[in-house]
Amino acid sequence: MRKTKYVLLLLILYAVGYVAAAPWLTAYRISDAVDQRDSVALAERVEFDSVRLSLKQQLNSRVLRELGADNKQNPFAALGASLANIMVDGLLDTYMTPAGIERLMRGETPAPGIPESRPLPPSNTNGNGSDSGKPQAERKKLFSDAHMGYRSLHRFVVTVTDDEGKQADFVLSRRGLDWKLTAIVLPLN
């Protein structure tokens, strides 16, 4: 009887530990999928509709802010806003693939028409196994300098700061016992 209690207690502690560590494991798996350029593994951990909606709202807000409130009297401002909305949709169509998300997380510009079902080949820009002019050994691992933590019981945020000091947040949300990337919050600038 006593042995059963210890086994049950160990199982409960293991389950609580796994649930608490799950978002860190998911962030690691996302980072690993991006580093391995494994679009299939990345797609399993991303809710594309949620990420698309979060980015669309941010980009449309920026466009409206750029047009300015003083242009409300200008009839061409409304036309510009609707054209900008079409442009944002086209841009998001490019980003909202596993390969596009990979490139976005790396700070690269996604290329249209990248196949979703197979990993991206490593790009060799200068013949020595480097991306963007950096040798493979020098390129930082994704999320290596990120700050991670719970914001609530169902929300976990990975904050990444680039070389210019701009921060982007990758928001993971609990989906049952799993965690998924559900939003990307771009830097304010």
Foldseek 3Di string as FASTA:
>chain_A
DVVVVVVVVVVVVVVVVCLVCQVVVLVVQCLVCLVVQPLVSQVVFADLVLALVQQLVVQLVVLDVVLPPVCPVPPVSVVVSVVSSVVSVVQSVQLSASNNVSQVLLVHRGDPPDDRHGGDDQDDDPPQRDDPPDHPVPRDRRLPVWDWDDPDSFKIWTWDADPVRFIKIFIWGDDPSHIHGRYIRGGPD
